[in-house]
Amino acid sequence: CEVPLVLHNGALVVEDGVVVRCRPLDGSAARIAIGAGRVAGAEPVLHCGAAGEGWLLVDAAARPSGLVGYYLERAGQEVRVVPDLLEAVAGEDTIQVMFGGDREGMDALRPALAACLGRAARIERTVYPATGVALLDVLHPAVGKAEALSFLQERWGIEAPETLAIGDNWNDREMIERAGLGFLMGNAPAETLELGLNTLPTNDQDGVARAIEEHVLDG
């Protein structure tokens, strides 16, 4: 069957292969984020396509390496190299601007982005302590996984207490707290495990499967 998809931290919702909601980032906010990232020496990647095309735009002059380079390599044919990202924003529906790199650099970039963007955008972060890297996603200010969960609850006529949500990083926190029953994976970053959320076993211990078996299939 078709599996409903909530993508880009909730900016894009797809049901039965059809986009039912899209909240792209305003072009001016995208340009501000690109400029601020460049000042900090971070290579921006644009996620584009309001119809779910999944394009990844990178600047022709960019030399992505590390996490971003690996990410683009895996994306394959979805990557589009453009002469200038700032010009490309004018003709594209930008879903998010993404930055990735070592955690120290991303921790420094985050407040700089927030100062430049103000309320024009939301900044979500994902951290991977084991490898020392992090991601920053610049999104429409109303976008969030918890908000997307509420949208689907209303769309499908499901009450919050009937909802199970599972996450493993900072950008999942609000969603976990909004669900009737929310869990954090046992392999999540140590800082998130200290938040006091309900915790499952790790991926290697089949944490998600156990949650479904115990809290859904067993009634």
N, C-alpha and C. Protein backbone atom coordinates (compact mmCIF):
# COMPACT_ATOMS: atom_id res chain seq x y z
N CYS A 1 0.85 -1.19 0.00
CA CYS A 1 0.00 0.00 0.00
C CYS A 1 0.89 1.25 0.00
N GLU A 2 0.30 2.39 -0.35
CA GLU A 2 1.03 3.65 -0.29
C GLU A 2 1.18 4.07 1.17
N VAL A 3 2.40 4.41 1.55
CA VAL A 3 2.67 4.85 2.91
C VAL A 3 2.67 6.37 2.95
N PRO A 4 1.84 7.00 3.77
CA PRO A 4 1.88 8.46 3.88
C PRO A 4 3.26 8.91 4.34
N LEU A 5 3.73 10.02 3.81
CA LEU A 5 5.07 10.52 4.12
C LEU A 5 4.98 11.94 4.67
N VAL A 6 5.69 12.19 5.76
CA VAL A 6 5.86 13.54 6.29
C VAL A 6 7.33 13.86 6.13
N LEU A 7 7.64 14.82 5.26
CA LEU A 7 9.02 15.08 4.86
C LEU A 7 9.47 16.47 5.29
N HIS A 8 10.79 16.64 5.35
CA HIS A 8 11.38 17.96 5.64
C HIS A 8 10.81 18.54 6.93
N ASN A 9 10.82 17.73 7.99
CA ASN A 9 10.34 18.16 9.30
C ASN A 9 8.88 18.61 9.30
N GLY A 10 8.11 18.14 8.30
CA GLY A 10 6.70 18.48 8.23
C GLY A 10 6.35 19.49 7.17
N ALA A 11 7.33 20.00 6.43
CA ALA A 11 7.05 21.00 5.39
C ALA A 11 6.29 20.41 4.22
N LEU A 12 6.44 19.13 3.98
CA LEU A 12 5.81 18.46 2.85
C LEU A 12 5.10 17.20 3.35
N VAL A 13 3.81 17.08 3.06
CA VAL A 13 3.04 15.91 3.46
C VAL A 13 2.48 15.24 2.21
N VAL A 14 2.77 13.96 2.05
CA VAL A 14 2.37 13.22 0.86
C VAL A 14 1.48 12.05 1.27
N GLU A 15 0.35 11.92 0.58
CA GLU A 15 -0.61 10.85 0.89
C GLU A 15 -1.03 10.18 -0.41
N ASP A 16 -0.89 8.86 -0.48
CA ASP A 16 -1.23 8.12 -1.70
C ASP A 16 -0.49 8.68 -2.92
N GLY A 17 0.75 9.10 -2.70
CA GLY A 17 1.56 9.62 -3.79
C GLY A 17 1.25 11.03 -4.21
N VAL A 18 0.33 11.70 -3.50
CA VAL A 18 -0.08 13.07 -3.85
C VAL A 18 0.29 14.01 -2.71
N VAL A 19 0.88 15.16 -3.03
CA VAL A 19 1.20 16.16 -2.02
C VAL A 19 -0.10 16.79 -1.54
N VAL A 20 -0.39 16.66 -0.25
CA VAL A 20 -1.61 17.23 0.31
C VAL A 20 -1.34 18.54 1.04
N ARG A 21 -0.05 18.80 1.32
CA ARG A 21 0.29 20.10 1.91
C ARG A 21 1.76 20.39 1.70
N CYS A 22 2.07 21.63 1.36
CA CYS A 22 3.46 22.05 1.21
C CYS A 22 3.61 23.44 1.80
N ARG A 23 4.62 23.63 2.63
CA ARG A 23 4.92 24.94 3.20
C ARG A 23 6.36 25.29 2.86
N PRO A 24 6.58 25.87 1.68
CA PRO A 24 7.94 26.22 1.28
C PRO A 24 8.48 27.40 2.08
N LEU A 25 9.78 27.50 2.12
CA LEU A 25 10.45 28.61 2.77
C LEU A 25 10.38 29.83 1.87
N ASP A 26 10.08 31.00 2.44
CA ASP A 26 10.04 32.21 1.65
C ASP A 26 11.40 32.47 0.98
N GLY A 27 11.37 32.93 -0.27
CA GLY A 27 12.61 33.13 -1.01
C GLY A 27 13.57 34.09 -0.34
N SER A 28 13.06 35.15 0.26
CA SER A 28 13.94 36.12 0.92
C SER A 28 14.64 35.47 2.12
N ALA A 29 13.91 34.64 2.87
CA ALA A 29 14.51 33.94 4.01
C ALA A 29 15.57 32.96 3.54
N ALA A 30 15.29 32.29 2.42
CA ALA A 30 16.28 31.35 1.88
C ALA A 30 17.56 32.07 1.49
N ARG A 31 17.43 33.24 0.87
CA ARG A 31 18.62 34.00 0.47
C ARG A 31 19.41 34.48 1.68
N ILE A 32 18.71 34.90 2.73
CA ILE A 32 19.39 35.32 3.96
C ILE A 32 20.17 34.16 4.55
N ALA A 33 19.54 32.98 4.59
CA ALA A 33 20.20 31.79 5.14
C ALA A 33 21.43 31.42 4.33
N ILE A 34 21.32 31.47 3.01
CA ILE A 34 22.46 31.15 2.14
C ILE A 34 23.61 32.10 2.41
N GLY A 35 23.29 33.40 2.48
CA GLY A 35 24.33 34.39 2.72
C GLY A 35 25.01 34.22 4.07
N ALA A 36 24.21 33.99 5.11
CA ALA A 36 24.78 33.81 6.45
C ALA A 36 25.64 32.56 6.51
N GLY A 37 25.21 31.51 5.84
CA GLY A 37 26.01 30.29 5.82
C GLY A 37 27.34 30.49 5.13
N ARG A 38 27.31 31.20 4.02
CA ARG A 38 28.54 31.43 3.27
C ARG A 38 29.54 32.25 4.09
N VAL A 39 29.03 33.25 4.82
CA VAL A 39 29.91 34.05 5.68
C VAL A 39 30.62 33.17 6.70
N ALA A 40 29.91 32.15 7.18
CA ALA A 40 30.49 31.24 8.17
C ALA A 40 31.30 30.11 7.54
N GLY A 41 31.37 30.09 6.20
CA GLY A 41 32.12 29.04 5.52
C GLY A 41 31.38 27.73 5.40
N ALA A 42 30.05 27.78 5.54
CA ALA A 42 29.24 26.55 5.43
C ALA A 42 28.60 26.48 4.05
N GLU A 43 28.61 25.29 3.46
CA GLU A 43 28.05 25.09 2.13
C GLU A 43 26.56 24.79 2.22
N PRO A 44 25.69 25.67 1.69
CA PRO A 44 24.25 25.40 1.74
C PRO A 44 23.81 24.40 0.67
N VAL A 45 22.81 23.62 1.00
CA VAL A 45 22.14 22.73 0.05
C VAL A 45 20.66 23.07 0.09
N LEU A 46 20.07 23.32 -1.08
CA LEU A 46 18.65 23.65 -1.15
C LEU A 46 17.85 22.40 -1.48
N HIS A 47 16.81 22.14 -0.69
CA HIS A 47 15.85 21.08 -0.99
C HIS A 47 14.67 21.75 -1.68
N CYS A 48 14.38 21.35 -2.90
CA CYS A 48 13.36 22.03 -3.71
C CYS A 48 12.34 21.06 -4.29
N GLY A 49 11.18 21.63 -4.65
CA GLY A 49 10.15 20.84 -5.32
C GLY A 49 8.88 20.73 -4.53
N ALA A 50 7.94 21.66 -4.75
CA ALA A 50 6.68 21.65 -4.00
C ALA A 50 5.80 20.47 -4.37
N ALA A 51 6.07 19.84 -5.50
CA ALA A 51 5.28 18.67 -5.92
C ALA A 51 5.96 17.37 -5.51
N GLY A 52 6.98 17.47 -4.67
CA GLY A 52 7.65 16.27 -4.18
C GLY A 52 8.76 15.76 -5.08
N GLU A 53 9.32 16.63 -5.94
CA GLU A 53 10.37 16.20 -6.86
C GLU A 53 11.65 15.78 -6.13
N GLY A 54 11.90 16.40 -4.99
CA GLY A 54 13.07 16.00 -4.20
C GLY A 54 14.40 16.48 -4.74
N TRP A 55 14.40 17.62 -5.45
CA TRP A 55 15.66 18.12 -5.98
C TRP A 55 16.57 18.66 -4.88
N LEU A 56 17.86 18.43 -5.03
CA LEU A 56 18.87 19.01 -4.15
C LEU A 56 19.74 19.93 -5.00
N LEU A 57 19.73 21.22 -4.70
CA LEU A 57 20.48 22.19 -5.48
C LEU A 57 21.76 22.58 -4.74
N VAL A 58 22.86 22.56 -5.45
CA VAL A 58 24.14 22.98 -4.89
C VAL A 58 24.80 23.96 -5.85
N ASP A 59 25.59 24.86 -5.30
CA ASP A 59 26.28 25.86 -6.10
C ASP A 59 27.43 25.22 -6.87
N ALA A 60 27.62 25.64 -8.13
CA ALA A 60 28.68 25.08 -8.96
C ALA A 60 30.05 25.30 -8.35
N ALA A 61 30.21 26.40 -7.59
CA ALA A 61 31.51 26.71 -6.99
C ALA A 61 31.74 25.97 -5.67
N ALA A 62 30.73 25.30 -5.18
CA ALA A 62 30.84 24.62 -3.88
C ALA A 62 31.72 23.39 -4.00
N ARG A 63 32.39 23.08 -2.92
CA ARG A 63 33.20 21.87 -2.83
C ARG A 63 32.77 21.10 -1.58
N PRO A 64 31.57 20.55 -1.62
CA PRO A 64 31.04 19.86 -0.42
C PRO A 64 31.90 18.65 -0.04
N SER A 65 32.11 18.51 1.24
CA SER A 65 32.89 17.38 1.75
C SER A 65 32.22 16.87 3.02
N GLY A 66 32.82 15.88 3.62
CA GLY A 66 32.31 15.35 4.87
C GLY A 66 30.88 14.88 4.76
N LEU A 67 30.06 15.26 5.74
CA LEU A 67 28.68 14.80 5.81
C LEU A 67 27.87 15.26 4.59
N VAL A 68 28.05 16.53 4.19
CA VAL A 68 27.29 17.06 3.06
C VAL A 68 27.69 16.34 1.77
N GLY A 69 28.99 16.12 1.59
CA GLY A 69 29.45 15.39 0.41
C GLY A 69 28.88 13.99 0.35
N TYR A 70 28.88 13.31 1.48
CA TYR A 70 28.33 11.95 1.55
C TYR A 70 26.83 11.97 1.25
N TYR A 71 26.13 12.95 1.79
CA TYR A 71 24.69 13.09 1.60
C TYR A 71 24.37 13.28 0.12
N LEU A 72 25.13 14.15 -0.55
CA LEU A 72 24.88 14.41 -1.97
C LEU A 72 25.23 13.20 -2.83
N GLU A 73 26.29 12.50 -2.45
CA GLU A 73 26.68 11.31 -3.21
C GLU A 73 25.57 10.26 -3.17
N ARG A 74 24.95 10.10 -2.04
CA ARG A 74 23.87 9.12 -1.91
C ARG A 74 22.62 9.57 -2.66
N ALA A 75 22.43 10.90 -2.79
CA ALA A 75 21.23 11.41 -3.46
C ALA A 75 21.25 11.14 -4.96
N GLY A 76 22.44 11.02 -5.53
CA GLY A 76 22.57 10.65 -6.94
C GLY A 76 21.92 11.60 -7.91
N GLN A 77 20.95 11.11 -8.66
CA GLN A 77 20.36 11.87 -9.75
C GLN A 77 19.47 13.02 -9.29
N GLU A 78 19.16 13.09 -8.01
CA GLU A 78 18.34 14.18 -7.51
C GLU A 78 19.14 15.48 -7.36
N VAL A 79 20.47 15.40 -7.45
CA VAL A 79 21.32 16.56 -7.26
C VAL A 79 21.39 17.38 -8.55
N ARG A 80 21.16 18.68 -8.41
CA ARG A 80 21.27 19.60 -9.55
C ARG A 80 22.29 20.68 -9.20
N VAL A 81 23.30 20.82 -10.03
CA VAL A 81 24.33 21.84 -9.84
C VAL A 81 23.91 23.09 -10.59
N VAL A 82 23.85 24.24 -9.90
CA VAL A 82 23.41 25.49 -10.50
C VAL A 82 24.52 26.53 -10.44
N PRO A 83 24.51 27.50 -11.36
CA PRO A 83 25.58 28.51 -11.36
C PRO A 83 25.63 29.33 -10.09
N ASP A 84 24.46 29.65 -9.52
CA ASP A 84 24.43 30.47 -8.31
C ASP A 84 23.14 30.16 -7.55
N LEU A 85 23.29 29.71 -6.32
CA LEU A 85 22.11 29.36 -5.52
C LEU A 85 21.21 30.56 -5.28
N LEU A 86 21.79 31.74 -5.09
CA LEU A 86 20.98 32.92 -4.83
C LEU A 86 20.05 33.22 -6.00
N GLU A 87 20.52 33.03 -7.20
CA GLU A 87 19.67 33.23 -8.37
C GLU A 87 18.67 32.09 -8.53
N ALA A 88 19.08 30.88 -8.17
CA ALA A 88 18.21 29.71 -8.32
C ALA A 88 16.99 29.81 -7.42
N VAL A 89 17.13 30.46 -6.27
CA VAL A 89 16.02 30.57 -5.33
C VAL A 89 14.82 31.26 -5.97
N ALA A 90 15.08 32.22 -6.87
CA ALA A 90 13.99 32.99 -7.47
C ALA A 90 13.07 32.11 -8.32
N GLY A 91 13.60 31.05 -8.88
CA GLY A 91 12.79 30.22 -9.76
C GLY A 91 12.41 28.87 -9.20
N GLU A 92 12.64 28.66 -7.92
CA GLU A 92 12.38 27.36 -7.31
C GLU A 92 11.53 27.51 -6.05
N ASP A 93 10.73 26.49 -5.76
CA ASP A 93 10.04 26.41 -4.47
C ASP A 93 10.99 25.74 -3.49
N THR A 94 11.64 26.55 -2.67
CA THR A 94 12.62 26.03 -1.73
C THR A 94 11.91 25.50 -0.49
N ILE A 95 12.05 24.23 -0.23
CA ILE A 95 11.43 23.63 0.95
C ILE A 95 12.28 23.90 2.19
N GLN A 96 13.59 23.76 2.05
CA GLN A 96 14.47 24.05 3.17
C GLN A 96 15.87 24.32 2.65
N VAL A 97 16.63 25.04 3.48
CA VAL A 97 18.06 25.23 3.25
C VAL A 97 18.78 24.40 4.31
N MET A 98 19.68 23.54 3.88
CA MET A 98 20.36 22.63 4.81
C MET A 98 21.85 22.93 4.88
N PHE A 99 22.39 22.86 6.09
CA PHE A 99 23.82 22.96 6.32
C PHE A 99 24.26 21.74 7.12
N GLY A 100 25.44 21.26 6.85
CA GLY A 100 25.97 20.13 7.61
C GLY A 100 27.46 20.25 7.79
N GLY A 101 27.95 19.73 8.90
CA GLY A 101 29.39 19.77 9.15
C GLY A 101 29.70 19.33 10.56
N ASP A 102 30.91 19.66 11.03
CA ASP A 102 31.27 19.28 12.39
C ASP A 102 30.39 20.04 13.38
N ARG A 103 30.16 19.41 14.50
CA ARG A 103 29.20 19.96 15.45
C ARG A 103 29.61 21.34 15.95
N GLU A 104 30.89 21.55 16.16
CA GLU A 104 31.35 22.86 16.64
C GLU A 104 30.98 23.97 15.66
N GLY A 105 31.21 23.70 14.37
CA GLY A 105 30.86 24.69 13.36
C GLY A 105 29.37 24.94 13.27
N MET A 106 28.57 23.89 13.35
CA MET A 106 27.12 24.03 13.27
C MET A 106 26.56 24.71 14.52
N ASP A 107 27.16 24.43 15.69
CA ASP A 107 26.72 25.10 16.91
C ASP A 107 26.99 26.59 16.85
N ALA A 108 28.06 26.97 16.15
CA ALA A 108 28.36 28.39 15.98
C ALA A 108 27.47 29.04 14.93
N LEU A 109 27.13 28.29 13.90
CA LEU A 109 26.29 28.82 12.82
C LEU A 109 24.85 29.03 13.25
N ARG A 110 24.35 28.18 14.11
CA ARG A 110 22.93 28.24 14.48
C ARG A 110 22.51 29.60 15.04
N PRO A 111 23.22 30.17 16.05
CA PRO A 111 22.79 31.49 16.53
C PRO A 111 22.98 32.60 15.50
N ALA A 112 23.96 32.44 14.61
CA ALA A 112 24.15 33.44 13.56
C ALA A 112 22.97 33.43 12.59
N LEU A 113 22.50 32.24 12.24
CA LEU A 113 21.32 32.14 11.38
C LEU A 113 20.08 32.72 12.07
N ALA A 114 19.93 32.37 13.35
CA ALA A 114 18.76 32.84 14.10
C ALA A 114 18.75 34.37 14.17
N ALA A 115 19.92 34.99 14.36
CA ALA A 115 20.00 36.45 14.45
C ALA A 115 19.63 37.10 13.13
N CYS A 116 20.04 36.50 12.02
CA CYS A 116 19.75 37.06 10.69
C CYS A 116 18.30 36.85 10.27
N LEU A 117 17.74 35.71 10.64
CA LEU A 117 16.41 35.33 10.15
C LEU A 117 15.28 35.78 11.05
N GLY A 118 15.52 35.87 12.34
CA GLY A 118 14.46 36.24 13.26
C GLY A 118 13.28 35.29 13.16
N ARG A 119 12.08 35.85 12.99
CA ARG A 119 10.87 35.03 12.91
C ARG A 119 10.54 34.58 11.49
N ALA A 120 11.44 34.88 10.56
CA ALA A 120 11.18 34.54 9.16
C ALA A 120 11.38 33.06 8.87
N ALA A 121 11.98 32.33 9.79
CA ALA A 121 12.26 30.91 9.55
C ALA A 121 12.40 30.17 10.87
N ARG A 122 12.28 28.87 10.77
CA ARG A 122 12.52 27.97 11.91
C ARG A 122 13.81 27.21 11.62
N ILE A 123 14.61 27.02 12.64
CA ILE A 123 15.88 26.31 12.48
C ILE A 123 15.83 25.04 13.32
N GLU A 124 15.93 23.90 12.66
CA GLU A 124 15.95 22.61 13.36
C GLU A 124 17.35 22.03 13.27
N ARG A 125 17.74 21.33 14.29
CA ARG A 125 19.07 20.70 14.28
C ARG A 125 18.96 19.21 14.57
N THR A 126 19.90 18.49 13.99
CA THR A 126 20.05 17.06 14.22
C THR A 126 21.52 16.82 14.51
N VAL A 127 21.82 16.13 15.60
CA VAL A 127 23.21 15.92 15.98
C VAL A 127 23.53 14.44 16.04
N TYR A 128 24.77 14.13 15.72
CA TYR A 128 25.26 12.75 15.75
C TYR A 128 26.55 12.72 16.58
N PRO A 129 26.42 12.61 17.90
CA PRO A 129 27.59 12.68 18.78
C PRO A 129 28.66 11.64 18.48
N ALA A 130 28.25 10.47 18.02
CA ALA A 130 29.23 9.41 17.77
C ALA A 130 30.23 9.80 16.70
N THR A 131 29.78 10.61 15.73
CA THR A 131 30.66 11.02 14.64
C THR A 131 31.07 12.49 14.74
N GLY A 132 30.47 13.22 15.69
CA GLY A 132 30.84 14.62 15.86
C GLY A 132 30.31 15.55 14.79
N VAL A 133 29.23 15.17 14.10
CA VAL A 133 28.68 16.01 13.05
C VAL A 133 27.24 16.40 13.38
N ALA A 134 26.74 17.41 12.66
CA ALA A 134 25.40 17.91 12.90
C ALA A 134 24.82 18.48 11.62
N LEU A 135 23.48 18.58 11.58
CA LEU A 135 22.76 19.19 10.47
C LEU A 135 21.90 20.34 11.00
N LEU A 136 21.77 21.39 10.19
CA LEU A 136 20.85 22.48 10.47
C LEU A 136 19.90 22.62 9.29
N ASP A 137 18.60 22.65 9.56
CA ASP A 137 17.59 22.81 8.52
C ASP A 137 16.86 24.12 8.75
N VAL A 138 16.86 24.98 7.74
CA VAL A 138 16.15 26.26 7.80
C VAL A 138 14.83 26.08 7.07
N LEU A 139 13.71 26.32 7.76
CA LEU A 139 12.38 25.98 7.26
C LEU A 139 11.39 27.13 7.43
N HIS A 140 10.24 26.99 6.80
CA HIS A 140 9.13 27.91 7.02
C HIS A 140 8.87 27.99 8.53
N PRO A 141 8.59 29.19 9.07
CA PRO A 141 8.46 29.33 10.53
C PRO A 141 7.34 28.50 11.16
N ALA A 142 6.32 28.13 10.38
CA ALA A 142 5.21 27.35 10.94
C ALA A 142 5.42 25.85 10.84
N VAL A 143 6.55 25.45 10.27
CA VAL A 143 6.81 24.03 10.05
C VAL A 143 7.37 23.37 11.31
N GLY A 144 6.94 22.14 11.55
CA GLY A 144 7.46 21.37 12.67
C GLY A 144 6.83 19.99 12.67
N LYS A 145 7.53 19.01 13.20
CA LYS A 145 6.98 17.66 13.21
C LYS A 145 5.73 17.55 14.08
N ALA A 146 5.71 18.30 15.19
CA ALA A 146 4.53 18.26 16.06
C ALA A 146 3.32 18.87 15.34
N GLU A 147 3.56 19.97 14.63
CA GLU A 147 2.48 20.62 13.89
C GLU A 147 1.96 19.71 12.79
N ALA A 148 2.88 19.02 12.10
CA ALA A 148 2.47 18.08 11.04
C ALA A 148 1.67 16.93 11.63
N LEU A 149 2.06 16.48 12.81
CA LEU A 149 1.31 15.42 13.48
C LEU A 149 -0.12 15.88 13.77
N SER A 150 -0.27 17.11 14.25
CA SER A 150 -1.60 17.65 14.52
C SER A 150 -2.43 17.75 13.24
N PHE A 151 -1.76 18.14 12.14
CA PHE A 151 -2.44 18.24 10.85
C PHE A 151 -3.01 16.89 10.43
N LEU A 152 -2.21 15.83 10.58
CA LEU A 152 -2.67 14.50 10.18
C LEU A 152 -3.72 13.96 11.15
N GLN A 153 -3.59 14.27 12.42
CA GLN A 153 -4.62 13.84 13.38
C GLN A 153 -5.98 14.41 12.99
N GLU A 154 -5.99 15.69 12.64
CA GLU A 154 -7.26 16.32 12.24
C GLU A 154 -7.74 15.77 10.90
N ARG A 155 -6.83 15.57 9.97
CA ARG A 155 -7.19 15.09 8.63
C ARG A 155 -7.79 13.69 8.70
N TRP A 156 -7.22 12.85 9.55
CA TRP A 156 -7.67 11.46 9.63
C TRP A 156 -8.68 11.20 10.74
N GLY A 157 -9.01 12.24 11.51
CA GLY A 157 -9.96 12.06 12.59
C GLY A 157 -9.43 11.20 13.72
N ILE A 158 -8.16 11.37 14.03
CA ILE A 158 -7.52 10.60 15.10
C ILE A 158 -7.21 11.52 16.27
N GLU A 159 -7.61 11.14 17.45
CA GLU A 159 -7.33 11.95 18.63
C GLU A 159 -5.88 11.78 19.07
N ALA A 160 -5.35 12.80 19.72
CA ALA A 160 -3.96 12.76 20.19
C ALA A 160 -3.67 11.54 21.07
N PRO A 161 -4.58 11.16 22.00
CA PRO A 161 -4.29 9.98 22.83
C PRO A 161 -4.16 8.68 22.05
N GLU A 162 -4.66 8.67 20.80
CA GLU A 162 -4.56 7.47 19.97
C GLU A 162 -3.29 7.43 19.13
N THR A 163 -2.41 8.39 19.33
CA THR A 163 -1.23 8.54 18.48
C THR A 163 0.03 8.07 19.18
N LEU A 164 0.82 7.27 18.45
CA LEU A 164 2.13 6.83 18.91
C LEU A 164 3.18 7.49 18.03
N ALA A 165 4.17 8.13 18.65
CA ALA A 165 5.25 8.78 17.90
C ALA A 165 6.60 8.35 18.47
N ILE A 166 7.55 8.13 17.57
CA ILE A 166 8.88 7.69 17.96
C ILE A 166 9.91 8.55 17.25
N GLY A 167 10.92 9.01 17.96
CA GLY A 167 11.97 9.82 17.36
C GLY A 167 13.32 9.51 17.98
N ASP A 168 14.37 10.12 17.41
CA ASP A 168 15.71 9.82 17.92
C ASP A 168 16.63 11.03 17.95
N ASN A 169 16.04 12.28 17.81
CA ASN A 169 16.93 13.42 17.82
C ASN A 169 16.18 14.68 18.24
N TRP A 170 16.90 15.82 18.26
CA TRP A 170 16.32 17.06 18.76
C TRP A 170 15.10 17.50 17.97
N ASN A 171 15.11 17.30 16.66
CA ASN A 171 13.97 17.75 15.86
C ASN A 171 12.73 16.89 16.04
N ASP A 172 12.82 15.85 16.87
CA ASP A 172 11.67 14.98 17.16
C ASP A 172 11.02 15.31 18.51
N ARG A 173 11.66 16.17 19.29
CA ARG A 173 11.22 16.36 20.68
C ARG A 173 9.76 16.81 20.78
N GLU A 174 9.39 17.86 20.06
CA GLU A 174 8.03 18.38 20.16
C GLU A 174 7.00 17.35 19.70
N MET A 175 7.33 16.58 18.67
CA MET A 175 6.43 15.55 18.17
C MET A 175 6.20 14.48 19.24
N ILE A 176 7.27 14.07 19.90
CA ILE A 176 7.17 13.05 20.94
C ILE A 176 6.30 13.56 22.08
N GLU A 177 6.45 14.83 22.43
CA GLU A 177 5.68 15.40 23.53
C GLU A 177 4.22 15.62 23.13
N ARG A 178 3.95 15.86 21.85
CA ARG A 178 2.59 16.13 21.39
C ARG A 178 1.76 14.86 21.26
N ALA A 179 2.39 13.74 20.97
CA ALA A 179 1.66 12.48 20.79
C ALA A 179 1.07 11.99 22.10
N GLY A 180 0.01 11.20 21.98
CA GLY A 180 -0.55 10.62 23.18
C GLY A 180 0.44 9.71 23.87
N LEU A 181 1.23 9.00 23.08
CA LEU A 181 2.27 8.14 23.61
C LEU A 181 3.52 8.37 22.76
N GLY A 182 4.52 9.02 23.33
CA GLY A 182 5.73 9.35 22.59
C GLY A 182 6.95 8.71 23.19
N PHE A 183 7.87 8.29 22.32
CA PHE A 183 9.07 7.61 22.77
C PHE A 183 10.31 8.16 22.08
N LEU A 184 11.40 8.15 22.82
CA LEU A 184 12.72 8.47 22.29
C LEU A 184 13.51 7.18 22.20
N MET A 185 14.22 7.01 21.08
CA MET A 185 15.02 5.79 20.92
C MET A 185 16.19 5.77 21.89
N GLY A 186 16.55 4.58 22.33
CA GLY A 186 17.65 4.43 23.27
C GLY A 186 19.00 4.83 22.71
N ASN A 187 19.13 4.89 21.38
CA ASN A 187 20.39 5.29 20.76
C ASN A 187 20.41 6.78 20.42
N ALA A 188 19.46 7.55 20.94
CA ALA A 188 19.43 8.99 20.72
C ALA A 188 20.62 9.65 21.42
N PRO A 189 20.97 10.90 21.03
CA PRO A 189 22.06 11.60 21.71
C PRO A 189 21.84 11.67 23.22
N ALA A 190 22.93 11.60 23.96
CA ALA A 190 22.84 11.56 25.42
C ALA A 190 22.08 12.76 25.98
N GLU A 191 22.26 13.94 25.36
CA GLU A 191 21.58 15.14 25.87
C GLU A 191 20.07 15.01 25.77
N THR A 192 19.58 14.33 24.73
CA THR A 192 18.13 14.16 24.59
C THR A 192 17.61 13.09 25.56
N LEU A 193 18.43 12.10 25.83
CA LEU A 193 18.01 11.07 26.79
C LEU A 193 17.83 11.65 28.18
N GLU A 194 18.51 12.77 28.44
CA GLU A 194 18.42 13.41 29.75
C GLU A 194 17.18 14.28 29.91
N LEU A 195 16.36 14.39 28.84
CA LEU A 195 15.16 15.22 28.89
C LEU A 195 14.04 14.58 29.70
N GLY A 196 14.18 13.29 29.99
CA GLY A 196 13.16 12.61 30.78
C GLY A 196 12.00 12.06 29.98
N LEU A 197 12.14 11.95 28.66
CA LEU A 197 11.09 11.38 27.82
C LEU A 197 11.06 9.86 27.96
N ASN A 198 9.92 9.26 27.65
CA ASN A 198 9.86 7.80 27.63
C ASN A 198 10.88 7.27 26.62
N THR A 199 11.61 6.24 27.01
CA THR A 199 12.71 5.75 26.16
C THR A 199 12.51 4.29 25.80
N LEU A 200 12.78 4.00 24.53
CA LEU A 200 12.71 2.63 24.02
C LEU A 200 14.11 2.02 23.99
N PRO A 201 14.21 0.72 23.77
CA PRO A 201 15.51 0.12 23.49
C PRO A 201 16.10 0.71 22.20
N THR A 202 17.34 0.43 21.92
CA THR A 202 18.02 0.98 20.75
C THR A 202 17.53 0.32 19.46
N ASN A 203 18.02 0.86 18.33
CA ASN A 203 17.71 0.25 17.03
C ASN A 203 18.15 -1.20 17.00
N ASP A 204 19.37 -1.45 17.48
CA ASP A 204 19.90 -2.83 17.45
C ASP A 204 19.10 -3.77 18.34
N GLN A 205 18.32 -3.20 19.26
CA GLN A 205 17.49 -4.02 20.14
C GLN A 205 16.02 -4.01 19.70
N ASP A 206 15.78 -3.59 18.45
CA ASP A 206 14.42 -3.60 17.87
C ASP A 206 13.44 -2.73 18.65
N GLY A 207 13.90 -1.53 19.04
CA GLY A 207 13.07 -0.66 19.86
C GLY A 207 11.74 -0.30 19.23
N VAL A 208 11.73 0.04 17.95
CA VAL A 208 10.48 0.43 17.27
C VAL A 208 9.51 -0.75 17.21
N ALA A 209 10.02 -1.91 16.85
CA ALA A 209 9.16 -3.10 16.75
C ALA A 209 8.54 -3.43 18.11
N ARG A 210 9.33 -3.28 19.16
CA ARG A 210 8.80 -3.58 20.49
C ARG A 210 7.72 -2.60 20.89
N ALA A 211 7.88 -1.33 20.52
CA ALA A 211 6.84 -0.33 20.83
C ALA A 211 5.53 -0.66 20.12
N ILE A 212 5.65 -1.04 18.85
CA ILE A 212 4.44 -1.38 18.08
C ILE A 212 3.78 -2.65 18.64
N GLU A 213 4.58 -3.63 18.97
CA GLU A 213 4.03 -4.87 19.50
C GLU A 213 3.31 -4.64 20.86
N GLU A 214 3.94 -3.87 21.72
CA GLU A 214 3.43 -3.70 23.08
C GLU A 214 2.29 -2.69 23.18
N HIS A 215 2.34 -1.62 22.35
CA HIS A 215 1.39 -0.53 22.53
C HIS A 215 0.35 -0.42 21.42
N VAL A 216 0.53 -1.16 20.32
CA VAL A 216 -0.45 -1.13 19.24
C VAL A 216 -1.08 -2.50 19.06
N LEU A 217 -0.26 -3.50 18.72
CA LEU A 217 -0.80 -4.83 18.42
C LEU A 217 -1.41 -5.51 19.65
N ASP A 218 -0.85 -5.22 20.82
CA ASP A 218 -1.38 -5.84 22.04
C ASP A 218 -2.49 -5.01 22.67
N GLY A 219 -2.92 -3.98 21.94
CA GLY A 219 -4.08 -3.22 22.39
C GLY A 219 -3.80 -2.13 23.39
